[in-house]
Amino acid sequence: MLSESVVGALRKGSTEDTVETIRFVEMMDCFFDCLNVNNFSTSKEKIKPFQSPYTSVKDFHLTWLQEEFRPYLTEWESNVRSMDIPIKEQNKKILSQETRYGIDVTGCGCVNK
């Protein structure tokens, strides 16, 4: 569901209302690809750079996770928290604390405290 093919389908019927959904699906697809690296040829065969092997501690995967993905999630949560709606409703519009913690620990190698 959160894949490149879904992004393509969403783009075909894209409206102003779907822009953020498309962005979310793209970001999650890249995140999953960062976790789904299994050999040197997959990224070339599928033309999916985020499935390429990690090569160093300064790898582009890690840079993307820290400088784009985490800030995206933080901005999303901040935008929802600024809405004038009950906390219970806000919580329905963002990732659960447990999911966010899991992403921070497994995908980004750090934790917001």
PDB file of N, CA and C in Angstrom:
ATOM      1  N   MET A   1       0.796  -1.198   0.000  1.00  0.00           N
ATOM      2  CA  MET A   1       0.000   0.000   0.000  1.00  0.00           C
ATOM      3  C   MET A   1       0.840   1.265   0.000  1.00  0.00           C
ATOM      4  N   LEU A   2       1.939   1.241   0.682  1.00  0.00           N
ATOM      5  CA  LEU A   2       2.801   2.423   0.741  1.00  0.00           C
ATOM      6  C   LEU A   2       3.975   2.200  -0.199  1.00  0.00           C
ATOM      7  N   SER A   3       3.692   2.206  -1.497  1.00  0.00           N
ATOM      8  CA  SER A   3       4.703   1.845  -2.476  1.00  0.00           C
ATOM      9  C   SER A   3       4.740   2.813  -3.648  1.00  0.00           C
ATOM     10  N   GLU A   4       5.765   2.643  -4.454  1.00  0.00           N
ATOM     11  CA  GLU A   4       5.947   3.470  -5.632  1.00  0.00           C
ATOM     12  C   GLU A   4       4.774   3.327  -6.608  1.00  0.00           C
ATOM     13  N   SER A   5       4.226   2.115  -6.731  1.00  0.00           N
ATOM     14  CA  SER A   5       3.094   1.920  -7.643  1.00  0.00           C
ATOM     15  C   SER A   5       1.850   2.652  -7.154  1.00  0.00           C
ATOM     16  N   VAL A   6       1.663   2.728  -5.854  1.00  0.00           N
ATOM     17  CA  VAL A   6       0.529   3.480  -5.299  1.00  0.00           C
ATOM     18  C   VAL A   6       0.730   4.972  -5.562  1.00  0.00           C
ATOM     19  N   VAL A   7       1.945   5.449  -5.424  1.00  0.00           N
ATOM     20  CA  VAL A   7       2.244   6.856  -5.729  1.00  0.00           C
ATOM     21  C   VAL A   7       1.854   7.153  -7.172  1.00  0.00           C
ATOM     22  N   GLY A   8       2.224   6.265  -8.086  1.00  0.00           N
ATOM     23  CA  GLY A   8       1.885   6.455  -9.492  1.00  0.00           C
ATOM     24  C   GLY A   8       0.381   6.530  -9.711  1.00  0.00           C
ATOM     25  N   ALA A   9      -0.352   5.649  -9.067  1.00  0.00           N
ATOM     26  CA  ALA A   9      -1.814   5.650  -9.199  1.00  0.00           C
ATOM     27  C   ALA A   9      -2.414   6.923  -8.609  1.00  0.00           C
ATOM     28  N   LEU A  10      -1.903   7.337  -7.458  1.00  0.00           N
ATOM     29  CA  LEU A  10      -2.410   8.565  -6.835  1.00  0.00           C
ATOM     30  C   LEU A  10      -2.126   9.790  -7.712  1.00  0.00           C
ATOM     31  N   ARG A  11      -0.969   9.804  -8.335  1.00  0.00           N
ATOM     32  CA  ARG A  11      -0.610  10.946  -9.186  1.00  0.00           C
ATOM     33  C   ARG A  11      -1.542  11.071 -10.386  1.00  0.00           C
ATOM     34  N   LYS A  12      -2.032   9.952 -10.893  1.00  0.00           N
ATOM     35  CA  LYS A  12      -2.931   9.993 -12.051  1.00  0.00           C
ATOM     36  C   LYS A  12      -4.215  10.743 -11.730  1.00  0.00           C
ATOM     37  N   GLY A  13      -4.693  10.618 -10.507  1.00  0.00           N
ATOM     38  CA  GLY A  13      -5.911  11.313 -10.109  1.00  0.00           C
ATOM     39  C   GLY A  13      -5.637  12.441  -9.136  1.00  0.00           C
ATOM     40  N   SER A  14      -4.418  12.942  -9.170  1.00  0.00           N
ATOM     41  CA  SER A  14      -3.975  13.925  -8.194  1.00  0.00           C
ATOM     42  C   SER A  14      -4.799  15.211  -8.208  1.00  0.00           C
ATOM     43  N   THR A  15      -5.100  15.651  -7.006  1.00  0.00           N
ATOM     44  CA  THR A  15      -5.731  16.957  -6.799  1.00  0.00           C
ATOM     45  C   THR A  15      -4.975  17.636  -5.676  1.00  0.00           C
ATOM     46  N   GLU A  16      -5.352  18.847  -5.385  1.00  0.00           N
ATOM     47  CA  GLU A  16      -4.718  19.568  -4.284  1.00  0.00           C
ATOM     48  C   GLU A  16      -4.882  18.801  -2.966  1.00  0.00           C
ATOM     49  N   ASP A  17      -5.980  18.071  -2.841  1.00  0.00           N
ATOM     50  CA  ASP A  17      -6.263  17.311  -1.620  1.00  0.00           C
ATOM     51  C   ASP A  17      -5.392  16.062  -1.464  1.00  0.00           C
ATOM     52  N   THR A  18      -4.774  15.595  -2.539  1.00  0.00           N
ATOM     53  CA  THR A  18      -3.989  14.361  -2.452  1.00  0.00           C
ATOM     54  C   THR A  18      -2.478  14.598  -2.380  1.00  0.00           C
ATOM     55  N   VAL A  19      -2.052  15.836  -2.469  1.00  0.00           N
ATOM     56  CA  VAL A  19      -0.615  16.145  -2.492  1.00  0.00           C
ATOM     57  C   VAL A  19       0.100  15.589  -1.258  1.00  0.00           C
ATOM     58  N   GLU A  20      -0.447  15.812  -0.087  1.00  0.00           N
ATOM     59  CA  GLU A  20       0.222  15.341   1.137  1.00  0.00           C
ATOM     60  C   GLU A  20       0.143  13.825   1.282  1.00  0.00           C
ATOM     61  N   THR A  21      -0.922  13.214   0.787  1.00  0.00           N
ATOM     62  CA  THR A  21      -1.007  11.750   0.818  1.00  0.00           C
ATOM     63  C   THR A  21       0.081  11.160  -0.073  1.00  0.00           C
ATOM     64  N   ILE A  22       0.256  11.741  -1.233  1.00  0.00           N
ATOM     65  CA  ILE A  22       1.312  11.282  -2.146  1.00  0.00           C
ATOM     66  C   ILE A  22       2.677  11.445  -1.490  1.00  0.00           C
ATOM     67  N   ARG A  23       2.905  12.578  -0.864  1.00  0.00           N
ATOM     68  CA  ARG A  23       4.192  12.811  -0.180  1.00  0.00           C
ATOM     69  C   ARG A  23       4.410  11.771   0.921  1.00  0.00           C
ATOM     70  N   PHE A  24       3.380  11.492   1.709  1.00  0.00           N
ATOM     71  CA  PHE A  24       3.483  10.497   2.779  1.00  0.00           C
ATOM     72  C   PHE A  24       3.835   9.122   2.209  1.00  0.00           C
ATOM     73  N   VAL A  25       3.136   8.697   1.172  1.00  0.00           N
ATOM     74  CA  VAL A  25       3.382   7.373   0.594  1.00  0.00           C
ATOM     75  C   VAL A  25       4.800   7.312   0.020  1.00  0.00           C
ATOM     76  N   GLU A  26       5.247   8.375  -0.642  1.00  0.00           N
ATOM     77  CA  GLU A  26       6.625   8.420  -1.169  1.00  0.00           C
ATOM     78  C   GLU A  26       7.652   8.289  -0.047  1.00  0.00           C
ATOM     79  N   MET A  27       7.444   9.033   1.019  1.00  0.00           N
ATOM     80  CA  MET A  27       8.393   8.997   2.139  1.00  0.00           C
ATOM     81  C   MET A  27       8.432   7.600   2.770  1.00  0.00           C
ATOM     82  N   MET A  28       7.269   7.004   2.967  1.00  0.00           N
ATOM     83  CA  MET A  28       7.228   5.675   3.578  1.00  0.00           C
ATOM     84  C   MET A  28       7.851   4.631   2.646  1.00  0.00           C
ATOM     85  N   ASP A  29       7.639   4.763   1.339  1.00  0.00           N
ATOM     86  CA  ASP A  29       8.248   3.841   0.387  1.00  0.00           C
ATOM     87  C   ASP A  29       9.775   3.913   0.480  1.00  0.00           C
ATOM     88  N   CYS A  30      10.310   5.121   0.523  1.00  0.00           N
ATOM     89  CA  CYS A  30      11.767   5.277   0.664  1.00  0.00           C
ATOM     90  C   CYS A  30      12.254   4.712   1.994  1.00  0.00           C
ATOM     91  N   PHE A  31      11.494   4.970   3.067  1.00  0.00           N
ATOM     92  CA  PHE A  31      11.875   4.440   4.374  1.00  0.00           C
ATOM     93  C   PHE A  31      11.924   2.913   4.350  1.00  0.00           C
ATOM     94  N   PHE A  32      10.872   2.289   3.815  1.00  0.00           N
ATOM     95  CA  PHE A  32      10.849   0.825   3.741  1.00  0.00           C
ATOM     96  C   PHE A  32      11.998   0.303   2.875  1.00  0.00           C
ATOM     97  N   ASP A  33      12.291   1.013   1.785  1.00  0.00           N
ATOM     98  CA  ASP A  33      13.414   0.601   0.937  1.00  0.00           C
ATOM     99  C   ASP A  33      14.735   0.668   1.695  1.00  0.00           C
ATOM    100  N   CYS A  34      14.897   1.670   2.558  1.00  0.00           N
ATOM    101  CA  CYS A  34      16.116   1.768   3.374  1.00  0.00           C
ATOM    102  C   CYS A  34      16.283   0.538   4.262  1.00  0.00           C
ATOM    103  N   LEU A  35      15.179  -0.045   4.671  1.00  0.00           N
ATOM    104  CA  LEU A  35      15.216  -1.219   5.544  1.00  0.00           C
ATOM    105  C   LEU A  35      15.228  -2.522   4.760  1.00  0.00           C
ATOM    106  N   ASN A  36      15.041  -2.447   3.457  1.00  0.00           N
ATOM    107  CA  ASN A  36      14.866  -3.627   2.627  1.00  0.00           C
ATOM    108  C   ASN A  36      16.031  -3.816   1.653  1.00  0.00           C
ATOM    109  N   VAL A  37      17.214  -3.559   2.118  1.00  0.00           N
ATOM    110  CA  VAL A  37      18.420  -3.729   1.293  1.00  0.00           C
ATOM    111  C   VAL A  37      18.885  -5.163   1.452  1.00  0.00           C
ATOM    112  N   ASN A  38      18.968  -5.896   0.323  1.00  0.00           N
ATOM    113  CA  ASN A  38      19.392  -7.284   0.485  1.00  0.00           C
ATOM    114  C   ASN A  38      20.539  -7.713  -0.425  1.00  0.00           C
ATOM    115  N   ASN A  39      20.844  -6.926  -1.471  1.00  0.00           N
ATOM    116  CA  ASN A  39      22.002  -7.267  -2.297  1.00  0.00           C
ATOM    117  C   ASN A  39      22.396  -6.073  -3.167  1.00  0.00           C
ATOM    118  N   PHE A  40      23.503  -6.221  -3.885  1.00  0.00           N
ATOM    119  CA  PHE A  40      24.037  -5.114  -4.666  1.00  0.00           C
ATOM    120  C   PHE A  40      23.253  -4.845  -5.950  1.00  0.00           C
ATOM    121  N   SER A  41      22.520  -5.821  -6.451  1.00  0.00           N
ATOM    122  CA  SER A  41      21.872  -5.635  -7.757  1.00  0.00           C
ATOM    123  C   SER A  41      20.411  -5.192  -7.677  1.00  0.00           C
ATOM    124  N   THR A  42      19.745  -5.407  -6.566  1.00  0.00           N
ATOM    125  CA  THR A  42      18.318  -5.066  -6.470  1.00  0.00           C
ATOM    126  C   THR A  42      18.048  -3.617  -6.823  1.00  0.00           C
ATOM    127  N   SER A  43      18.821  -2.708  -6.289  1.00  0.00           N
ATOM    128  CA  SER A  43      18.563  -1.280  -6.542  1.00  0.00           C
ATOM    129  C   SER A  43      18.727  -0.933  -8.016  1.00  0.00           C
ATOM    130  N   LYS A  44      19.657  -1.601  -8.696  1.00  0.00           N
ATOM    131  CA  LYS A  44      19.863  -1.322 -10.116  1.00  0.00           C
ATOM    132  C   LYS A  44      18.770  -1.957 -10.967  1.00  0.00           C
ATOM    133  N   GLU A  45      18.370  -3.191 -10.614  1.00  0.00           N
ATOM    134  CA  GLU A  45      17.334  -3.890 -11.368  1.00  0.00           C
ATOM    135  C   GLU A  45      16.001  -3.158 -11.270  1.00  0.00           C
ATOM    136  N   LYS A  46      15.669  -2.694 -10.099  1.00  0.00           N
ATOM    137  CA  LYS A  46      14.384  -2.042  -9.871  1.00  0.00           C
ATOM    138  C   LYS A  46      14.456  -0.522 -10.016  1.00  0.00           C
ATOM    139  N   ILE A  47      15.649  -0.001 -10.225  1.00  0.00           N
ATOM    140  CA  ILE A  47      15.888   1.445 -10.277  1.00  0.00           C
ATOM    141  C   ILE A  47      15.333   2.105  -9.008  1.00  0.00           C
ATOM    142  N   LYS A  48      15.732   1.552  -7.874  1.00  0.00           N
ATOM    143  CA  LYS A  48      15.304   2.057  -6.570  1.00  0.00           C
ATOM    144  C   LYS A  48      16.555   2.317  -5.736  1.00  0.00           C
ATOM    145  N   PRO A  49      17.074   3.538  -5.789  1.00  0.00           N
ATOM    146  CA  PRO A  49      18.339   3.831  -5.111  1.00  0.00           C
ATOM    147  C   PRO A  49      18.317   3.562  -3.608  1.00  0.00           C
ATOM    148  N   PHE A  50      17.163   3.685  -2.961  1.00  0.00           N
ATOM    149  CA  PHE A  50      17.127   3.459  -1.516  1.00  0.00           C
ATOM    150  C   PHE A  50      17.258   1.983  -1.150  1.00  0.00           C
ATOM    151  N   GLN A  51      17.208   1.099  -2.134  1.00  0.00           N
ATOM    152  CA  GLN A  51      17.455  -0.317  -1.870  1.00  0.00           C
ATOM    153  C   GLN A  51      18.909  -0.697  -2.119  1.00  0.00           C
ATOM    154  N   SER A  52      19.743   0.290  -2.414  1.00  0.00           N
ATOM    155  CA  SER A  52      21.165  -0.002  -2.605  1.00  0.00           C
ATOM    156  C   SER A  52      21.817  -0.240  -1.241  1.00  0.00           C
ATOM    157  N   PRO A  53      22.880  -1.014  -1.211  1.00  0.00           N
ATOM    158  CA  PRO A  53      23.567  -1.297   0.052  1.00  0.00           C
ATOM    159  C   PRO A  53      24.157  -0.033   0.687  1.00  0.00           C
ATOM    160  N   TYR A  54      24.198  -0.032   1.987  1.00  0.00           N
ATOM    161  CA  TYR A  54      24.857   1.041   2.734  1.00  0.00           C
ATOM    162  C   TYR A  54      26.355   0.881   2.538  1.00  0.00           C
ATOM    163  N   THR A  55      27.047   2.001   2.378  1.00  0.00           N
ATOM    164  CA  THR A  55      28.476   1.918   2.095  1.00  0.00           C
ATOM    165  C   THR A  55      29.366   2.575   3.147  1.00  0.00           C
ATOM    166  N   SER A  56      28.795   3.452   3.971  1.00  0.00           N
ATOM    167  CA  SER A  56      29.606   4.111   4.994  1.00  0.00           C
ATOM    168  C   SER A  56      28.685   4.748   6.036  1.00  0.00           C
ATOM    169  N   VAL A  57      29.290   5.285   7.080  1.00  0.00           N
ATOM    170  CA  VAL A  57      28.503   5.974   8.106  1.00  0.00           C
ATOM    171  C   VAL A  57      27.968   7.306   7.597  1.00  0.00           C
ATOM    172  N   LYS A  58      28.454   7.754   6.460  1.00  0.00           N
ATOM    173  CA  LYS A  58      27.965   8.989   5.843  1.00  0.00           C
ATOM    174  C   LYS A  58      27.102   8.686   4.609  1.00  0.00           C
ATOM    175  N   ASP A  59      26.585   7.474   4.553  1.00  0.00           N
ATOM    176  CA  ASP A  59      25.784   7.026   3.422  1.00  0.00           C
ATOM    177  C   ASP A  59      24.556   7.915   3.202  1.00  0.00           C
ATOM    178  N   PHE A  60      24.132   8.050   1.944  1.00  0.00           N
ATOM    179  CA  PHE A  60      22.992   8.912   1.624  1.00  0.00           C
ATOM    180  C   PHE A  60      21.708   8.443   2.294  1.00  0.00           C
ATOM    181  N   HIS A  61      21.585   7.118   2.538  1.00  0.00           N
ATOM    182  CA  HIS A  61      20.398   6.609   3.246  1.00  0.00           C
ATOM    183  C   HIS A  61      20.296   7.283   4.622  1.00  0.00           C
ATOM    184  N   LEU A  62      21.400   7.268   5.337  1.00  0.00           N
ATOM    185  CA  LEU A  62      21.419   7.810   6.693  1.00  0.00           C
ATOM    186  C   LEU A  62      21.204   9.322   6.692  1.00  0.00           C
ATOM    187  N   THR A  63      21.789   9.988   5.717  1.00  0.00           N
ATOM    188  CA  THR A  63      21.584  11.432   5.585  1.00  0.00           C
ATOM    189  C   THR A  63      20.110  11.724   5.327  1.00  0.00           C
ATOM    190  N   TRP A  64      19.506  10.980   4.412  1.00  0.00           N
ATOM    191  CA  TRP A  64      18.079  11.173   4.093  1.00  0.00           C
ATOM    192  C   TRP A  64      17.218  10.922   5.332  1.00  0.00           C
ATOM    193  N   LEU A  65      17.506   9.851   6.054  1.00  0.00           N
ATOM    194  CA  LEU A  65      16.722   9.539   7.255  1.00  0.00           C
ATOM    195  C   LEU A  65      16.787  10.683   8.268  1.00  0.00           C
ATOM    196  N   GLN A  66      17.981  11.218   8.475  1.00  0.00           N
ATOM    197  CA  GLN A  66      18.172  12.267   9.470  1.00  0.00           C
ATOM    198  C   GLN A  66      17.709  13.645   9.001  1.00  0.00           C
ATOM    199  N   GLU A  67      17.979  13.970   7.750  1.00  0.00           N
ATOM    200  CA  GLU A  67      17.749  15.340   7.278  1.00  0.00           C
ATOM    201  C   GLU A  67      16.431  15.543   6.539  1.00  0.00           C
ATOM    202  N   GLU A  68      15.793  14.460   6.107  1.00  0.00           N
ATOM    203  CA  GLU A  68      14.517  14.607   5.408  1.00  0.00           C
ATOM    204  C   GLU A  68      13.382  13.852   6.091  1.00  0.00           C
ATOM    205  N   PHE A  69      13.590  12.568   6.365  1.00  0.00           N
ATOM    206  CA  PHE A  69      12.494  11.750   6.877  1.00  0.00           C
ATOM    207  C   PHE A  69      12.079  12.141   8.298  1.00  0.00           C
ATOM    208  N   ARG A  70      13.041  12.189   9.215  1.00  0.00           N
ATOM    209  CA  ARG A  70      12.692  12.570  10.591  1.00  0.00           C
ATOM    210  C   ARG A  70      12.086  13.964  10.662  1.00  0.00           C
ATOM    211  N   PRO A  71      12.678  14.972   9.979  1.00  0.00           N
ATOM    212  CA  PRO A  71      12.056  16.297  10.008  1.00  0.00           C
ATOM    213  C   PRO A  71      10.641  16.300   9.412  1.00  0.00           C
ATOM    214  N   TYR A  72      10.426  15.492   8.379  1.00  0.00           N
ATOM    215  CA  TYR A  72       9.084  15.377   7.802  1.00  0.00           C
ATOM    216  C   TYR A  72       8.089  14.890   8.851  1.00  0.00           C
ATOM    217  N   LEU A  73       8.449  13.826   9.568  1.00  0.00           N
ATOM    218  CA  LEU A  73       7.560  13.292  10.603  1.00  0.00           C
ATOM    219  C   LEU A  73       7.330  14.304  11.723  1.00  0.00           C
ATOM    220  N   THR A  74       8.383  15.002  12.116  1.00  0.00           N
ATOM    221  CA  THR A  74       8.282  16.021  13.168  1.00  0.00           C
ATOM    222  C   THR A  74       7.381  17.168  12.729  1.00  0.00           C
ATOM    223  N   GLU A  75       7.548  17.615  11.492  1.00  0.00           N
ATOM    224  CA  GLU A  75       6.714  18.700  10.972  1.00  0.00           C
ATOM    225  C   GLU A  75       5.242  18.280  10.898  1.00  0.00           C
ATOM    226  N   TRP A  76       5.001  17.075  10.437  1.00  0.00           N
ATOM    227  CA  TRP A  76       3.642  16.540  10.350  1.00  0.00           C
ATOM    228  C   TRP A  76       2.995  16.554  11.735  1.00  0.00           C
ATOM    229  N   GLU A  77       3.714  16.011  12.721  1.00  0.00           N
ATOM    230  CA  GLU A  77       3.167  15.968  14.075  1.00  0.00           C
ATOM    231  C   GLU A  77       2.939  17.380  14.619  1.00  0.00           C
ATOM    232  N   SER A  78       3.869  18.282  14.393  1.00  0.00           N
ATOM    233  CA  SER A  78       3.716  19.666  14.864  1.00  0.00           C
ATOM    234  C   SER A  78       2.494  20.330  14.244  1.00  0.00           C
ATOM    235  N   ASN A  79       2.291  20.107  12.952  1.00  0.00           N
ATOM    236  CA  ASN A  79       1.123  20.677  12.277  1.00  0.00           C
ATOM    237  C   ASN A  79      -0.175  20.149  12.875  1.00  0.00           C
ATOM    238  N   VAL A  80      -0.212  18.868  13.154  1.00  0.00           N
ATOM    239  CA  VAL A  80      -1.417  18.287  13.751  1.00  0.00           C
ATOM    240  C   VAL A  80      -1.607  18.807  15.172  1.00  0.00           C
ATOM    241  N   ARG A  81      -0.538  18.896  15.935  1.00  0.00           N
ATOM    242  CA  ARG A  81      -0.636  19.361  17.325  1.00  0.00           C
ATOM    243  C   ARG A  81      -1.078  20.823  17.406  1.00  0.00           C
ATOM    244  N   SER A  82      -0.869  21.576  16.335  1.00  0.00           N
ATOM    245  CA  SER A  82      -1.290  22.978  16.347  1.00  0.00           C
ATOM    246  C   SER A  82      -2.771  23.145  15.973  1.00  0.00           C
ATOM    247  N   MET A  83      -3.416  22.057  15.582  1.00  0.00           N
ATOM    248  CA  MET A  83      -4.841  22.122  15.232  1.00  0.00           C
ATOM    249  C   MET A  83      -5.683  22.317  16.487  1.00  0.00           C
ATOM    250  N   ASP A  84      -6.732  23.067  16.332  1.00  0.00           N
ATOM    251  CA  ASP A  84      -7.635  23.336  17.450  1.00  0.00           C
ATOM    252  C   ASP A  84      -8.702  22.238  17.526  1.00  0.00           C
ATOM    253  N   ILE A  85      -8.224  21.021  17.805  1.00  0.00           N
ATOM    254  CA  ILE A  85      -9.109  19.870  17.970  1.00  0.00           C
ATOM    255  C   ILE A  85      -8.647  19.089  19.196  1.00  0.00           C
ATOM    256  N   PRO A  86      -9.527  18.274  19.777  1.00  0.00           N
ATOM    257  CA  PRO A  86      -9.128  17.509  20.967  1.00  0.00           C
ATOM    258  C   PRO A  86      -7.916  16.608  20.708  1.00  0.00           C
ATOM    259  N   ILE A  87      -7.136  16.382  21.737  1.00  0.00           N
ATOM    260  CA  ILE A  87      -5.934  15.533  21.657  1.00  0.00           C
ATOM    261  C   ILE A  87      -6.280  14.165  21.069  1.00  0.00           C
ATOM    262  N   LYS A  88      -7.398  13.611  21.473  1.00  0.00           N
ATOM    263  CA  LYS A  88      -7.810  12.289  20.978  1.00  0.00           C
ATOM    264  C   LYS A  88      -7.929  12.312  19.448  1.00  0.00           C
ATOM    265  N   GLU A  89      -8.467  13.380  18.905  1.00  0.00           N
ATOM    266  CA  GLU A  89      -8.588  13.519  17.446  1.00  0.00           C
ATOM    267  C   GLU A  89      -7.229  13.761  16.810  1.00  0.00           C
ATOM    268  N   GLN A  90      -6.387  14.541  17.477  1.00  0.00           N
ATOM    269  CA  GLN A  90      -5.029  14.771  16.968  1.00  0.00           C
ATOM    270  C   GLN A  90      -4.290  13.448  16.856  1.00  0.00           C
ATOM    271  N   ASN A  91      -4.411  12.613  17.884  1.00  0.00           N
ATOM    272  CA  ASN A  91      -3.704  11.334  17.908  1.00  0.00           C
ATOM    273  C   ASN A  91      -4.116  10.421  16.761  1.00  0.00           C
ATOM    274  N   LYS A  92      -5.320  10.583  16.250  1.00  0.00           N
ATOM    275  CA  LYS A  92      -5.794   9.778  15.124  1.00  0.00           C
ATOM    276  C   LYS A  92      -5.167  10.233  13.810  1.00  0.00           C
ATOM    277  N   LYS A  93      -4.603  11.432  13.794  1.00  0.00           N
ATOM    278  CA  LYS A  93      -4.062  12.016  12.563  1.00  0.00           C
ATOM    279  C   LYS A  93      -2.548  11.880  12.444  1.00  0.00           C
ATOM    280  N   ILE A  94      -1.914  11.255  13.418  1.00  0.00           N
ATOM    281  CA  ILE A  94      -0.457  11.087  13.382  1.00  0.00           C
ATOM    282  C   ILE A  94      -0.101   9.633  13.685  1.00  0.00           C
ATOM    283  N   LEU A  95       1.164   9.309  13.508  1.00  0.00           N
ATOM    284  CA  LEU A  95       1.640   7.977  13.878  1.00  0.00           C
ATOM    285  C   LEU A  95       1.556   7.820  15.387  1.00  0.00           C
ATOM    286  N   SER A  96       1.298   6.608  15.846  1.00  0.00           N
ATOM    287  CA  SER A  96       1.273   6.374  17.292  1.00  0.00           C
ATOM    288  C   SER A  96       2.659   6.624  17.871  1.00  0.00           C
ATOM    289  N   GLN A  97       2.702   6.901  19.165  1.00  0.00           N
ATOM    290  CA  GLN A  97       3.998   7.109  19.828  1.00  0.00           C
ATOM    291  C   GLN A  97       4.882   5.885  19.673  1.00  0.00           C
ATOM    292  N   GLU A  98       4.293   4.705  19.748  1.00  0.00           N
ATOM    293  CA  GLU A  98       5.056   3.464  19.641  1.00  0.00           C
ATOM    294  C   GLU A  98       5.653   3.310  18.241  1.00  0.00           C
ATOM    295  N   THR A  99       4.854   3.635  17.219  1.00  0.00           N
ATOM    296  CA  THR A  99       5.352   3.547  15.845  1.00  0.00           C
ATOM    297  C   THR A  99       6.468   4.551  15.621  1.00  0.00           C
ATOM    298  N   ARG A 100       6.265   5.764  16.089  1.00  0.00           N
ATOM    299  CA  ARG A 100       7.297   6.808  15.925  1.00  0.00           C
ATOM    300  C   ARG A 100       8.578   6.411  16.637  1.00  0.00           C
ATOM    301  N   TYR A 101       8.462   5.881  17.836  1.00  0.00           N
ATOM    302  CA  TYR A 101       9.634   5.427  18.581  1.00  0.00           C
ATOM    303  C   TYR A 101      10.355   4.322  17.799  1.00  0.00           C
ATOM    304  N   GLY A 102       9.588   3.372  17.268  1.00  0.00           N
ATOM    305  CA  GLY A 102      10.177   2.291  16.484  1.00  0.00           C
ATOM    306  C   GLY A 102      10.912   2.800  15.267  1.00  0.00           C
ATOM    307  N   ILE A 103      10.340   3.784  14.576  1.00  0.00           N
ATOM    308  CA  ILE A 103      10.997   4.382  13.409  1.00  0.00           C
ATOM    309  C   ILE A 103      12.285   5.070  13.836  1.00  0.00           C
ATOM    310  N   ASP A 104      12.218   5.840  14.918  1.00  0.00           N
ATOM    311  CA  ASP A 104      13.402   6.551  15.382  1.00  0.00           C
ATOM    312  C   ASP A 104      14.519   5.594  15.766  1.00  0.00           C
ATOM    313  N   VAL A 105      14.183   4.503  16.424  1.00  0.00           N
ATOM    314  CA  VAL A 105      15.207   3.563  16.883  1.00  0.00           C
ATOM    315  C   VAL A 105      15.737   2.708  15.739  1.00  0.00           C
ATOM    316  N   THR A 106      14.842   2.113  14.955  1.00  0.00           N
ATOM    317  CA  THR A 106      15.311   1.175  13.929  1.00  0.00           C
ATOM    318  C   THR A 106      15.765   1.851  12.657  1.00  0.00           C
ATOM    319  N   GLY A 107      15.090   2.906  12.260  1.00  0.00           N
ATOM    320  CA  GLY A 107      15.405   3.515  10.982  1.00  0.00           C
ATOM    321  C   GLY A 107      16.336   4.697  11.062  1.00  0.00           C
ATOM    322  N   CYS A 108      16.310   5.372  12.163  1.00  0.00           N
ATOM    323  CA  CYS A 108      17.088   6.623  12.239  1.00  0.00           C
ATOM    324  C   CYS A 108      18.201   6.552  13.261  1.00  0.00           C
ATOM    325  N   GLY A 109      18.260   5.459  14.004  1.00  0.00           N
ATOM    326  CA  GLY A 109      19.363   5.275  14.924  1.00  0.00           C
ATOM    327  C   GLY A 109      19.412   6.229  16.086  1.00  0.00           C
ATOM    328  N   CYS A 110      18.300   6.878  16.381  1.00  0.00           N
ATOM    329  CA  CYS A 110      18.292   7.809  17.500  1.00  0.00           C
ATOM    330  C   CYS A 110      16.865   7.957  18.021  1.00  0.00           C
ATOM    331  N   VAL A 111      16.755   8.540  19.178  1.00  0.00           N
ATOM    332  CA  VAL A 111      15.455   8.670  19.814  1.00  0.00           C
ATOM    333  C   VAL A 111      15.255  10.095  20.291  1.00  0.00           C
ATOM    334  N   ASN A 112      14.078  10.654  20.020  1.00  0.00           N
ATOM    335  CA  ASN A 112      13.702  11.951  20.594  1.00  0.00           C
ATOM    336  C   ASN A 112      13.213  11.702  22.001  1.00  0.00           C
ATOM    337  N   LYS A 113      13.760  12.405  22.955  1.00  0.00           N
ATOM    338  CA  LYS A 113      13.276  12.256  24.344  1.00  0.00           C
ATOM    339  C   LYS A 113      12.715  13.553  24.811  1.00  0.00           C
TER     340      LYS A 113
END
